[in-house]
């Protein structure tokens, strides 16, 4: 009986607006991250910009949690809504952790593989922003959602390869003369890899929702 009532009653649509706002913020943060990795005099300003964007994303995440509490009928299971919002927020948080590491060690020059990983972050944020509006009608858009989430997984695999290549380059290059360069570089690579992992988490949550509703 409850499932019948749930099917008839109007669903809270604010969640989709919040998801899309969160994805847009992730795109902004990804652009800031890429700008940081260009290095130079603008690094500190771009880190500060990313920090503000992370705070704005936290506010969106808070609004999602409040909406879950207020809503009687949600478009998806509450645990799925929370997981999707958390994964998005974690991706942006990892971007900000990358920026914090940059500021902590006063890094101004970055390795090519770091910039290549940031390019993947930008692409993953773009694909996520493309996929989330399709969640408004999972049944109709299931094939497209499947393709997009599959692409996100492929890009995460590319980031793994770039991470390995970057660590090897550090070990055979700067670390030969300056072991601390490897420690700092490895920490930056770790954060960048975790950003991509969190976007893959977003893809997994969306895939699970599609499976449940198709």
N, C-alpha and C. Protein backbone atom coordinates (compact mmCIF):
# COMPACT_ATOMS: atom_id res chain seq x y z
N UNK A 1 0.83 -1.21 0.00
CA UNK A 1 0.00 0.00 0.00
C UNK A 1 0.86 1.27 0.00
N UNK A 2 1.91 1.23 0.84
CA UNK A 2 2.78 2.42 0.91
C UNK A 2 3.43 2.70 -0.44
N UNK A 3 3.84 1.64 -1.15
CA UNK A 3 4.47 1.83 -2.46
C UNK A 3 3.50 2.47 -3.44
N UNK A 4 2.21 2.10 -3.35
CA UNK A 4 1.20 2.69 -4.23
C UNK A 4 1.03 4.17 -3.92
N UNK A 5 0.95 4.49 -2.62
CA UNK A 5 0.83 5.90 -2.23
C UNK A 5 2.04 6.68 -2.68
N UNK A 6 3.21 6.07 -2.52
CA UNK A 6 4.47 6.73 -2.91
C UNK A 6 4.49 7.02 -4.41
N UNK A 7 3.94 6.11 -5.19
CA UNK A 7 3.92 6.28 -6.64
C UNK A 7 2.98 7.39 -7.07
N UNK A 8 1.89 7.59 -6.30
CA UNK A 8 0.87 8.57 -6.66
C UNK A 8 1.25 9.99 -6.22
N UNK A 9 1.79 10.11 -5.02
CA UNK A 9 2.10 11.43 -4.48
C UNK A 9 3.23 12.11 -5.26
N UNK A 10 3.18 13.43 -5.38
CA UNK A 10 4.25 14.15 -6.08
C UNK A 10 5.57 14.03 -5.32
N UNK A 11 6.66 13.89 -6.07
CA UNK A 11 7.97 13.76 -5.46
C UNK A 11 8.62 15.14 -5.29
N UNK A 12 9.50 15.23 -4.32
CA UNK A 12 10.24 16.46 -4.07
C UNK A 12 11.28 16.64 -5.18
N UNK A 13 11.10 17.68 -6.00
CA UNK A 13 11.99 17.90 -7.14
C UNK A 13 13.22 18.74 -6.78
N UNK A 14 13.25 19.31 -5.60
CA UNK A 14 14.37 20.17 -5.22
C UNK A 14 15.69 19.41 -5.25
N UNK A 15 15.65 18.11 -5.01
CA UNK A 15 16.88 17.32 -5.00
C UNK A 15 17.63 17.44 -6.33
N UNK A 16 16.89 17.41 -7.43
CA UNK A 16 17.54 17.48 -8.73
C UNK A 16 18.22 18.83 -8.93
N UNK A 17 17.56 19.90 -8.49
CA UNK A 17 18.17 21.22 -8.57
C UNK A 17 19.46 21.27 -7.77
N UNK A 18 19.43 20.66 -6.59
CA UNK A 18 20.62 20.66 -5.73
C UNK A 18 21.73 19.80 -6.33
N UNK A 19 21.39 18.64 -6.89
CA UNK A 19 22.40 17.80 -7.54
C UNK A 19 23.09 18.57 -8.67
N UNK A 20 22.28 19.25 -9.47
CA UNK A 20 22.83 19.97 -10.62
C UNK A 20 23.67 21.16 -10.17
N UNK A 21 23.25 21.82 -9.09
CA UNK A 21 24.06 22.92 -8.54
C UNK A 21 25.38 22.38 -8.00
N UNK A 22 25.34 21.22 -7.38
CA UNK A 22 26.54 20.59 -6.84
C UNK A 22 27.50 20.23 -7.98
N UNK A 23 26.96 19.68 -9.05
CA UNK A 23 27.78 19.31 -10.20
C UNK A 23 28.40 20.54 -10.86
N UNK A 24 27.63 21.63 -10.93
CA UNK A 24 28.16 22.87 -11.49
C UNK A 24 29.31 23.40 -10.63
N UNK A 25 29.16 23.27 -9.31
CA UNK A 25 30.22 23.71 -8.40
C UNK A 25 31.46 22.83 -8.57
N UNK A 26 31.24 21.56 -8.82
CA UNK A 26 32.37 20.65 -9.07
C UNK A 26 33.13 21.06 -10.33
N UNK A 27 32.40 21.51 -11.35
CA UNK A 27 33.06 21.99 -12.56
C UNK A 27 33.89 23.24 -12.28
N UNK A 28 33.34 24.15 -11.50
CA UNK A 28 34.08 25.35 -11.14
C UNK A 28 35.36 25.00 -10.36
N UNK A 29 35.22 24.09 -9.42
CA UNK A 29 36.37 23.68 -8.61
C UNK A 29 37.42 22.98 -9.47
N UNK A 30 36.98 22.16 -10.42
CA UNK A 30 37.91 21.47 -11.31
C UNK A 30 38.71 22.47 -12.14
N UNK A 31 38.04 23.53 -12.60
CA UNK A 31 38.73 24.57 -13.37
C UNK A 31 39.76 25.28 -12.49
N UNK A 32 39.41 25.53 -11.24
CA UNK A 32 40.35 26.18 -10.32
C UNK A 32 41.55 25.27 -10.05
N UNK A 33 41.28 23.97 -9.88
CA UNK A 33 42.36 23.02 -9.65
C UNK A 33 43.33 23.01 -10.83
N UNK A 34 42.78 22.99 -12.03
CA UNK A 34 43.63 22.99 -13.22
C UNK A 34 44.45 24.27 -13.30
N UNK A 35 43.86 25.39 -12.91
CA UNK A 35 44.58 26.66 -12.92
C UNK A 35 45.72 26.65 -11.90
N UNK A 36 45.48 26.03 -10.74
CA UNK A 36 46.54 25.92 -9.72
C UNK A 36 47.74 25.19 -10.31
N UNK A 37 47.48 24.11 -11.03
CA UNK A 37 48.57 23.27 -11.53
C UNK A 37 49.30 23.88 -12.71
N UNK A 38 48.85 25.04 -13.17
CA UNK A 38 49.63 25.80 -14.14
C UNK A 38 50.84 26.45 -13.47
N UNK A 39 50.75 26.57 -12.12
CA UNK A 39 51.87 27.13 -11.37
C UNK A 39 51.97 28.64 -11.49
N UNK A 40 53.12 29.16 -11.10
CA UNK A 40 53.36 30.59 -11.22
C UNK A 40 52.81 31.41 -10.07
N UNK A 41 52.69 32.70 -10.31
CA UNK A 41 52.32 33.66 -9.27
C UNK A 41 50.86 33.58 -8.85
N UNK A 42 50.00 32.98 -9.70
CA UNK A 42 48.57 32.95 -9.41
C UNK A 42 48.16 31.75 -8.56
N UNK A 43 49.11 30.92 -8.15
CA UNK A 43 48.77 29.70 -7.41
C UNK A 43 47.98 30.00 -6.14
N UNK A 44 48.46 30.95 -5.33
CA UNK A 44 47.81 31.24 -4.05
C UNK A 44 46.38 31.74 -4.27
N UNK A 45 46.19 32.62 -5.24
CA UNK A 45 44.84 33.15 -5.51
C UNK A 45 43.91 32.03 -5.97
N UNK A 46 44.41 31.14 -6.80
CA UNK A 46 43.57 30.03 -7.27
C UNK A 46 43.25 29.05 -6.16
N UNK A 47 44.19 28.86 -5.24
CA UNK A 47 43.92 28.00 -4.07
C UNK A 47 42.83 28.61 -3.20
N UNK A 48 42.88 29.91 -3.01
CA UNK A 48 41.86 30.59 -2.22
C UNK A 48 40.50 30.49 -2.91
N UNK A 49 40.50 30.62 -4.21
CA UNK A 49 39.25 30.50 -4.97
C UNK A 49 38.66 29.11 -4.80
N UNK A 50 39.49 28.10 -4.88
CA UNK A 50 39.02 26.72 -4.72
C UNK A 50 38.49 26.49 -3.31
N UNK A 51 39.13 27.09 -2.31
CA UNK A 51 38.66 26.97 -0.93
C UNK A 51 37.25 27.53 -0.78
N UNK A 52 36.99 28.67 -1.41
CA UNK A 52 35.65 29.27 -1.35
C UNK A 52 34.63 28.37 -2.04
N UNK A 53 35.02 27.79 -3.16
CA UNK A 53 34.11 26.91 -3.88
C UNK A 53 33.79 25.66 -3.07
N UNK A 54 34.77 25.16 -2.33
CA UNK A 54 34.54 24.00 -1.47
C UNK A 54 33.55 24.34 -0.36
N UNK A 55 33.65 25.54 0.19
CA UNK A 55 32.69 25.96 1.21
C UNK A 55 31.29 26.08 0.63
N UNK A 56 31.17 26.60 -0.58
CA UNK A 56 29.87 26.71 -1.23
C UNK A 56 29.29 25.32 -1.50
N UNK A 57 30.15 24.37 -1.87
CA UNK A 57 29.68 23.00 -2.09
C UNK A 57 29.19 22.37 -0.79
N UNK A 58 29.87 22.67 0.31
CA UNK A 58 29.42 22.17 1.62
C UNK A 58 28.02 22.66 1.94
N UNK A 59 27.73 23.90 1.57
CA UNK A 59 26.40 24.45 1.82
C UNK A 59 25.34 23.70 1.01
N UNK A 60 25.68 23.37 -0.23
CA UNK A 60 24.74 22.60 -1.06
C UNK A 60 24.50 21.23 -0.44
N UNK A 61 25.58 20.59 0.01
CA UNK A 61 25.45 19.28 0.64
C UNK A 61 24.56 19.36 1.89
N UNK A 62 24.73 20.42 2.65
CA UNK A 62 23.90 20.63 3.84
C UNK A 62 22.43 20.76 3.45
N UNK A 63 22.16 21.48 2.37
CA UNK A 63 20.78 21.65 1.90
C UNK A 63 20.17 20.32 1.48
N UNK A 64 20.99 19.45 0.89
CA UNK A 64 20.49 18.12 0.51
C UNK A 64 20.07 17.34 1.75
N UNK A 65 20.93 17.37 2.77
CA UNK A 65 20.61 16.63 4.00
C UNK A 65 19.35 17.18 4.67
N UNK A 66 19.19 18.50 4.65
CA UNK A 66 17.98 19.10 5.21
C UNK A 66 16.74 18.71 4.41
N UNK A 67 16.88 18.67 3.09
CA UNK A 67 15.75 18.30 2.24
C UNK A 67 15.35 16.84 2.47
N UNK A 68 16.32 15.98 2.73
CA UNK A 68 16.01 14.58 3.04
C UNK A 68 15.15 14.50 4.28
N UNK A 69 15.50 15.29 5.28
CA UNK A 69 14.76 15.26 6.55
C UNK A 69 13.34 15.82 6.40
N UNK A 70 13.19 16.82 5.53
CA UNK A 70 11.89 17.49 5.39
C UNK A 70 10.93 16.76 4.47
N UNK A 71 11.46 15.96 3.54
CA UNK A 71 10.64 15.40 2.47
C UNK A 71 10.01 14.07 2.87
N UNK A 72 8.72 13.97 2.61
CA UNK A 72 8.02 12.71 2.84
C UNK A 72 8.27 11.75 1.68
N UNK A 73 8.22 12.29 0.45
CA UNK A 73 8.44 11.49 -0.75
C UNK A 73 9.70 12.00 -1.43
N UNK A 74 10.65 11.11 -1.66
CA UNK A 74 11.90 11.46 -2.35
C UNK A 74 11.97 10.72 -3.68
N UNK A 75 12.67 11.28 -4.67
CA UNK A 75 12.71 10.63 -5.99
C UNK A 75 13.45 9.30 -5.98
N UNK A 76 14.42 9.16 -5.08
CA UNK A 76 15.16 7.91 -4.91
C UNK A 76 15.20 7.57 -3.42
N UNK A 77 15.72 6.41 -3.14
CA UNK A 77 15.91 6.02 -1.75
C UNK A 77 16.79 7.06 -1.05
N UNK A 78 16.47 7.35 0.18
CA UNK A 78 17.22 8.37 0.93
C UNK A 78 18.71 8.06 1.02
N UNK A 79 19.04 6.79 1.16
CA UNK A 79 20.45 6.42 1.24
C UNK A 79 21.18 6.70 -0.07
N UNK A 80 20.48 6.54 -1.20
CA UNK A 80 21.08 6.84 -2.50
C UNK A 80 21.30 8.34 -2.67
N UNK A 81 20.32 9.12 -2.23
CA UNK A 81 20.46 10.59 -2.31
C UNK A 81 21.64 11.05 -1.48
N UNK A 82 21.75 10.52 -0.27
CA UNK A 82 22.86 10.89 0.61
C UNK A 82 24.19 10.46 0.01
N UNK A 83 24.25 9.25 -0.54
CA UNK A 83 25.49 8.74 -1.13
C UNK A 83 25.92 9.57 -2.33
N UNK A 84 24.96 9.98 -3.15
CA UNK A 84 25.28 10.78 -4.34
C UNK A 84 25.81 12.15 -3.93
N UNK A 85 25.14 12.80 -2.99
CA UNK A 85 25.60 14.10 -2.52
C UNK A 85 26.96 14.01 -1.84
N UNK A 86 27.16 12.96 -1.05
CA UNK A 86 28.42 12.78 -0.34
C UNK A 86 29.57 12.57 -1.31
N UNK A 87 29.36 11.76 -2.35
CA UNK A 87 30.42 11.51 -3.32
C UNK A 87 30.80 12.78 -4.06
N UNK A 88 29.80 13.57 -4.45
CA UNK A 88 30.08 14.85 -5.10
C UNK A 88 30.88 15.78 -4.18
N UNK A 89 30.43 15.84 -2.93
CA UNK A 89 31.10 16.72 -1.98
C UNK A 89 32.52 16.24 -1.70
N UNK A 90 32.70 14.93 -1.63
CA UNK A 90 34.03 14.38 -1.38
C UNK A 90 35.00 14.69 -2.52
N UNK A 91 34.49 14.69 -3.76
CA UNK A 91 35.34 15.02 -4.90
C UNK A 91 35.87 16.44 -4.78
N UNK A 92 34.98 17.37 -4.44
CA UNK A 92 35.38 18.77 -4.30
C UNK A 92 36.29 18.94 -3.09
N UNK A 93 36.01 18.20 -2.02
CA UNK A 93 36.85 18.26 -0.83
C UNK A 93 38.26 17.78 -1.14
N UNK A 94 38.39 16.73 -1.95
CA UNK A 94 39.72 16.25 -2.33
C UNK A 94 40.45 17.28 -3.20
N UNK A 95 39.73 17.99 -4.04
CA UNK A 95 40.36 19.06 -4.81
C UNK A 95 40.94 20.11 -3.87
N UNK A 96 40.15 20.45 -2.85
CA UNK A 96 40.61 21.45 -1.88
C UNK A 96 41.79 20.93 -1.07
N UNK A 97 41.80 19.64 -0.76
CA UNK A 97 42.95 19.07 -0.05
C UNK A 97 44.20 19.15 -0.90
N UNK A 98 44.04 18.99 -2.21
CA UNK A 98 45.17 19.17 -3.11
C UNK A 98 45.71 20.59 -3.00
N UNK A 99 44.80 21.56 -3.02
CA UNK A 99 45.20 22.96 -2.91
C UNK A 99 45.88 23.25 -1.58
N UNK A 100 45.38 22.65 -0.51
CA UNK A 100 45.98 22.85 0.81
C UNK A 100 47.41 22.30 0.84
N UNK A 101 47.62 21.16 0.18
CA UNK A 101 48.96 20.59 0.13
C UNK A 101 49.90 21.49 -0.66
N UNK A 102 49.39 22.06 -1.75
CA UNK A 102 50.17 23.01 -2.54
C UNK A 102 50.62 24.19 -1.69
N UNK A 103 49.69 24.72 -0.90
CA UNK A 103 50.01 25.87 -0.05
C UNK A 103 50.94 25.48 1.09
N UNK A 104 50.73 24.30 1.67
CA UNK A 104 51.56 23.85 2.79
C UNK A 104 53.03 23.78 2.40
N UNK A 105 53.30 23.25 1.21
CA UNK A 105 54.68 23.06 0.77
C UNK A 105 55.16 24.18 -0.17
N UNK A 106 54.28 25.17 -0.39
CA UNK A 106 54.64 26.32 -1.24
C UNK A 106 55.12 25.86 -2.62
N UNK A 107 54.34 24.96 -3.24
CA UNK A 107 54.69 24.44 -4.56
C UNK A 107 54.26 25.44 -5.63
N UNK A 108 55.14 25.69 -6.57
CA UNK A 108 54.83 26.63 -7.65
C UNK A 108 55.08 26.03 -9.03
N UNK A 109 55.71 24.86 -9.07
CA UNK A 109 56.00 24.17 -10.34
C UNK A 109 55.45 22.76 -10.24
N UNK A 110 54.74 22.31 -11.27
CA UNK A 110 54.04 21.04 -11.22
C UNK A 110 54.43 20.16 -12.41
N UNK A 111 54.31 18.86 -12.18
CA UNK A 111 54.70 17.88 -13.19
C UNK A 111 53.64 17.74 -14.28
N UNK A 112 54.05 17.37 -15.50
CA UNK A 112 53.09 17.21 -16.61
C UNK A 112 51.96 16.22 -16.29
N UNK A 113 52.28 15.12 -15.61
CA UNK A 113 51.24 14.13 -15.31
C UNK A 113 50.22 14.67 -14.32
N UNK A 114 50.63 15.61 -13.47
CA UNK A 114 49.67 16.24 -12.56
C UNK A 114 48.65 17.06 -13.34
N UNK A 115 49.16 17.81 -14.32
CA UNK A 115 48.24 18.60 -15.15
C UNK A 115 47.34 17.70 -15.98
N UNK A 116 47.90 16.59 -16.46
CA UNK A 116 47.09 15.64 -17.24
C UNK A 116 45.99 15.02 -16.37
N UNK A 117 46.29 14.74 -15.10
CA UNK A 117 45.27 14.22 -14.20
C UNK A 117 44.19 15.27 -13.93
N UNK A 118 44.61 16.53 -13.79
CA UNK A 118 43.64 17.61 -13.60
C UNK A 118 42.74 17.76 -14.83
N UNK A 119 43.30 17.51 -16.02
CA UNK A 119 42.48 17.53 -17.23
C UNK A 119 41.41 16.44 -17.16
N UNK A 120 41.78 15.28 -16.61
CA UNK A 120 40.78 14.21 -16.43
C UNK A 120 39.73 14.61 -15.41
N UNK A 121 40.14 15.32 -14.37
CA UNK A 121 39.17 15.79 -13.38
C UNK A 121 38.16 16.72 -14.04
N UNK A 122 38.64 17.62 -14.87
CA UNK A 122 37.74 18.53 -15.59
C UNK A 122 36.75 17.74 -16.44
N UNK A 123 37.24 16.72 -17.13
CA UNK A 123 36.37 15.91 -17.98
C UNK A 123 35.36 15.13 -17.15
N UNK A 124 35.81 14.59 -16.01
CA UNK A 124 34.89 13.83 -15.15
C UNK A 124 33.81 14.75 -14.57
N UNK A 125 34.19 15.96 -14.20
CA UNK A 125 33.21 16.92 -13.69
C UNK A 125 32.20 17.27 -14.78
N UNK A 126 32.68 17.42 -16.01
CA UNK A 126 31.80 17.74 -17.14
C UNK A 126 30.80 16.60 -17.39
N UNK A 127 31.29 15.37 -17.40
CA UNK A 127 30.41 14.23 -17.64
C UNK A 127 29.39 14.07 -16.51
N UNK A 128 29.83 14.34 -15.29
CA UNK A 128 28.91 14.27 -14.15
C UNK A 128 27.81 15.32 -14.29
N UNK A 129 28.19 16.53 -14.68
CA UNK A 129 27.21 17.59 -14.88
C UNK A 129 26.26 17.27 -16.02
N UNK A 130 26.73 16.51 -16.98
CA UNK A 130 25.87 16.08 -18.09
C UNK A 130 24.92 14.98 -17.66
N UNK A 131 25.38 14.12 -16.75
CA UNK A 131 24.57 12.96 -16.36
C UNK A 131 23.48 13.31 -15.36
N UNK A 132 23.76 14.20 -14.42
CA UNK A 132 22.82 14.43 -13.32
C UNK A 132 21.45 14.94 -13.77
N UNK A 133 21.35 15.84 -14.74
CA UNK A 133 20.00 16.23 -15.18
C UNK A 133 19.19 15.07 -15.75
N UNK A 134 19.88 14.06 -16.29
CA UNK A 134 19.19 12.90 -16.84
C UNK A 134 18.54 12.05 -15.75
N UNK A 135 18.98 12.25 -14.50
CA UNK A 135 18.42 11.49 -13.38
C UNK A 135 16.98 11.90 -13.09
N UNK A 136 16.52 12.99 -13.65
CA UNK A 136 15.13 13.40 -13.48
C UNK A 136 14.17 12.38 -14.10
N UNK A 137 14.65 11.66 -15.11
CA UNK A 137 13.83 10.61 -15.74
C UNK A 137 14.75 9.42 -16.02
N UNK A 138 14.99 8.62 -14.99
CA UNK A 138 15.96 7.53 -15.09
C UNK A 138 15.54 6.52 -16.15
N UNK A 139 14.26 6.16 -16.19
CA UNK A 139 13.81 5.17 -17.15
C UNK A 139 14.07 5.58 -18.59
N UNK A 140 13.70 6.79 -18.92
CA UNK A 140 13.88 7.29 -20.28
C UNK A 140 15.34 7.42 -20.65
N UNK A 141 16.18 7.79 -19.68
CA UNK A 141 17.58 8.13 -19.97
C UNK A 141 18.57 7.05 -19.52
N UNK A 142 18.08 5.85 -19.25
CA UNK A 142 18.94 4.81 -18.69
C UNK A 142 20.12 4.46 -19.60
N UNK A 143 19.90 4.39 -20.90
CA UNK A 143 20.99 4.02 -21.81
C UNK A 143 22.08 5.09 -21.82
N UNK A 144 21.68 6.36 -21.86
CA UNK A 144 22.64 7.45 -21.86
C UNK A 144 23.38 7.50 -20.53
N UNK A 145 22.65 7.29 -19.44
CA UNK A 145 23.29 7.28 -18.13
C UNK A 145 24.31 6.14 -18.02
N UNK A 146 23.96 5.00 -18.57
CA UNK A 146 24.89 3.86 -18.54
C UNK A 146 26.17 4.21 -19.31
N UNK A 147 26.01 4.87 -20.46
CA UNK A 147 27.18 5.25 -21.26
C UNK A 147 28.06 6.26 -20.52
N UNK A 148 27.43 7.23 -19.88
CA UNK A 148 28.19 8.26 -19.18
C UNK A 148 28.92 7.71 -17.96
N UNK A 149 28.24 6.86 -17.20
CA UNK A 149 28.91 6.30 -16.03
C UNK A 149 30.05 5.36 -16.45
N UNK A 150 29.86 4.67 -17.56
CA UNK A 150 30.94 3.84 -18.09
C UNK A 150 32.14 4.67 -18.51
N UNK A 151 31.89 5.82 -19.09
CA UNK A 151 32.97 6.71 -19.50
C UNK A 151 33.72 7.25 -18.28
N UNK A 152 32.99 7.57 -17.23
CA UNK A 152 33.63 8.04 -16.00
C UNK A 152 34.57 6.98 -15.44
N UNK A 153 34.16 5.73 -15.49
CA UNK A 153 35.02 4.65 -15.01
C UNK A 153 36.27 4.51 -15.86
N UNK A 154 36.14 4.65 -17.16
CA UNK A 154 37.30 4.57 -18.05
C UNK A 154 38.30 5.70 -17.76
N UNK A 155 37.78 6.89 -17.51
CA UNK A 155 38.67 8.02 -17.22
C UNK A 155 39.39 7.81 -15.90
N UNK A 156 38.70 7.23 -14.92
CA UNK A 156 39.36 6.94 -13.64
C UNK A 156 40.52 5.97 -13.86
N UNK A 157 40.35 5.01 -14.75
CA UNK A 157 41.42 4.06 -15.05
C UNK A 157 42.60 4.80 -15.70
N UNK A 158 42.30 5.77 -16.54
CA UNK A 158 43.37 6.58 -17.14
C UNK A 158 44.14 7.35 -16.06
N UNK A 159 43.41 7.83 -15.07
CA UNK A 159 44.06 8.58 -14.00
C UNK A 159 45.00 7.68 -13.19
N UNK A 160 44.62 6.40 -13.03
CA UNK A 160 45.50 5.44 -12.36
C UNK A 160 46.83 5.32 -13.11
N UNK A 161 46.73 5.23 -14.42
CA UNK A 161 47.93 5.10 -15.24
C UNK A 161 48.80 6.35 -15.16
N UNK A 162 48.16 7.51 -15.19
CA UNK A 162 48.91 8.76 -15.09
C UNK A 162 49.58 8.89 -13.73
N UNK A 163 48.89 8.42 -12.69
CA UNK A 163 49.47 8.44 -11.35
C UNK A 163 50.75 7.60 -11.31
N UNK A 164 50.67 6.40 -11.87
CA UNK A 164 51.85 5.51 -11.88
C UNK A 164 52.99 6.13 -12.70
N UNK A 165 52.65 6.68 -13.85
CA UNK A 165 53.67 7.30 -14.70
C UNK A 165 54.32 8.48 -13.99
N UNK A 166 53.48 9.26 -13.31
CA UNK A 166 53.99 10.43 -12.61
C UNK A 166 54.92 10.07 -11.48
N UNK A 167 54.56 9.04 -10.72
CA UNK A 167 55.42 8.60 -9.61
C UNK A 167 56.76 8.08 -10.12
N UNK A 168 56.73 7.34 -11.23
CA UNK A 168 57.98 6.85 -11.82
C UNK A 168 58.86 8.01 -12.27
N UNK A 169 58.23 9.01 -12.89
CA UNK A 169 58.98 10.17 -13.36
C UNK A 169 59.59 10.94 -12.20
N UNK A 170 58.85 11.05 -11.10
CA UNK A 170 59.39 11.71 -9.91
C UNK A 170 60.61 10.95 -9.38
N UNK A 171 60.48 9.65 -9.32
CA UNK A 171 61.53 8.83 -8.73
C UNK A 171 62.81 8.88 -9.56
N UNK A 172 62.64 8.89 -10.88
CA UNK A 172 63.82 8.89 -11.75
C UNK A 172 64.31 10.30 -12.08
N UNK A 173 63.53 11.32 -11.69
CA UNK A 173 63.89 12.70 -11.99
C UNK A 173 64.26 13.51 -10.77
N UNK A 174 63.35 14.39 -10.32
CA UNK A 174 63.65 15.32 -9.22
C UNK A 174 64.09 14.63 -7.93
N UNK A 175 63.54 13.44 -7.66
CA UNK A 175 63.86 12.77 -6.39
C UNK A 175 65.32 12.34 -6.32
N UNK A 176 66.00 12.21 -7.45
CA UNK A 176 67.40 11.83 -7.45
C UNK A 176 68.26 12.87 -6.74
N UNK A 177 67.88 14.15 -6.93
CA UNK A 177 68.61 15.23 -6.29
C UNK A 177 67.94 15.73 -5.01
N UNK A 178 66.63 15.55 -4.92
CA UNK A 178 65.89 16.10 -3.79
C UNK A 178 64.80 15.11 -3.36
N UNK A 179 65.11 14.23 -2.40
CA UNK A 179 64.12 13.23 -1.96
C UNK A 179 62.81 13.84 -1.50
N UNK A 180 62.84 15.06 -0.95
CA UNK A 180 61.61 15.69 -0.49
C UNK A 180 60.67 15.97 -1.66
N UNK A 181 61.22 16.16 -2.84
CA UNK A 181 60.39 16.39 -4.02
C UNK A 181 59.50 15.19 -4.30
N UNK A 182 60.03 13.98 -4.03
CA UNK A 182 59.21 12.78 -4.23
C UNK A 182 58.09 12.72 -3.21
N UNK A 183 58.39 13.04 -1.96
CA UNK A 183 57.39 13.00 -0.89
C UNK A 183 56.25 13.96 -1.20
N UNK A 184 56.60 15.19 -1.57
CA UNK A 184 55.58 16.20 -1.87
C UNK A 184 54.80 15.83 -3.13
N UNK A 185 55.53 15.42 -4.16
CA UNK A 185 54.88 15.05 -5.41
C UNK A 185 53.95 13.87 -5.24
N UNK A 186 54.39 12.87 -4.47
CA UNK A 186 53.56 11.69 -4.23
C UNK A 186 52.27 12.06 -3.50
N UNK A 187 52.36 13.00 -2.56
CA UNK A 187 51.16 13.42 -1.84
C UNK A 187 50.19 14.13 -2.78
N UNK A 188 50.71 14.95 -3.66
CA UNK A 188 49.84 15.63 -4.63
C UNK A 188 49.19 14.62 -5.58
N UNK A 189 49.96 13.67 -6.06
CA UNK A 189 49.39 12.64 -6.92
C UNK A 189 48.29 11.85 -6.19
N UNK A 190 48.53 11.57 -4.91
CA UNK A 190 47.54 10.82 -4.13
C UNK A 190 46.22 11.57 -4.05
N UNK A 191 46.29 12.87 -3.80
CA UNK A 191 45.06 13.67 -3.73
C UNK A 191 44.36 13.70 -5.09
N UNK A 192 45.13 13.88 -6.15
CA UNK A 192 44.52 13.94 -7.48
C UNK A 192 43.85 12.61 -7.84
N UNK A 193 44.50 11.53 -7.48
CA UNK A 193 43.91 10.22 -7.74
C UNK A 193 42.63 10.03 -6.95
N UNK A 194 42.60 10.52 -5.72
CA UNK A 194 41.40 10.39 -4.90
C UNK A 194 40.26 11.25 -5.44
N UNK A 195 40.57 12.38 -6.06
CA UNK A 195 39.52 13.17 -6.70
C UNK A 195 38.82 12.32 -7.76
N UNK A 196 39.62 11.67 -8.60
CA UNK A 196 39.05 10.83 -9.65
C UNK A 196 38.29 9.65 -9.07
N UNK A 197 38.80 9.09 -7.98
CA UNK A 197 38.09 7.99 -7.31
C UNK A 197 36.71 8.43 -6.84
N UNK A 198 36.62 9.65 -6.31
CA UNK A 198 35.34 10.13 -5.79
C UNK A 198 34.35 10.35 -6.94
N UNK A 199 34.84 10.81 -8.09
CA UNK A 199 33.93 10.94 -9.23
C UNK A 199 33.48 9.56 -9.71
N UNK A 200 34.36 8.57 -9.61
CA UNK A 200 33.94 7.21 -9.94
C UNK A 200 32.88 6.74 -8.94
N UNK A 201 33.00 7.14 -7.68
CA UNK A 201 31.96 6.83 -6.70
C UNK A 201 30.62 7.41 -7.12
N UNK A 202 30.64 8.64 -7.64
CA UNK A 202 29.42 9.26 -8.15
C UNK A 202 28.82 8.38 -9.25
N UNK A 203 29.68 7.92 -10.16
CA UNK A 203 29.21 7.05 -11.25
C UNK A 203 28.59 5.77 -10.71
N UNK A 204 29.20 5.19 -9.69
CA UNK A 204 28.68 3.95 -9.13
C UNK A 204 27.30 4.16 -8.49
N UNK A 205 27.14 5.28 -7.78
CA UNK A 205 25.85 5.56 -7.17
C UNK A 205 24.78 5.74 -8.23
N UNK A 206 25.10 6.50 -9.29
CA UNK A 206 24.13 6.70 -10.36
C UNK A 206 23.78 5.37 -11.02
N UNK A 207 24.77 4.52 -11.24
CA UNK A 207 24.51 3.21 -11.85
C UNK A 207 23.57 2.38 -10.97
N UNK A 208 23.81 2.42 -9.67
CA UNK A 208 22.96 1.67 -8.75
C UNK A 208 21.52 2.18 -8.81
N UNK A 209 21.36 3.49 -8.89
CA UNK A 209 20.01 4.06 -8.97
C UNK A 209 19.32 3.64 -10.26
N UNK A 210 20.06 3.66 -11.36
CA UNK A 210 19.49 3.23 -12.64
C UNK A 210 19.03 1.78 -12.55
N UNK A 211 19.85 0.92 -11.98
CA UNK A 211 19.49 -0.50 -11.86
C UNK A 211 18.23 -0.67 -11.01
N UNK A 212 18.12 0.10 -9.97
CA UNK A 212 16.97 -0.02 -9.06
C UNK A 212 15.67 0.48 -9.68
N UNK A 213 15.76 1.40 -10.66
CA UNK A 213 14.56 2.06 -11.15
C UNK A 213 14.23 1.73 -12.60
N UNK A 214 14.95 0.81 -13.19
CA UNK A 214 14.64 0.43 -14.59
C UNK A 214 14.17 -1.01 -14.63
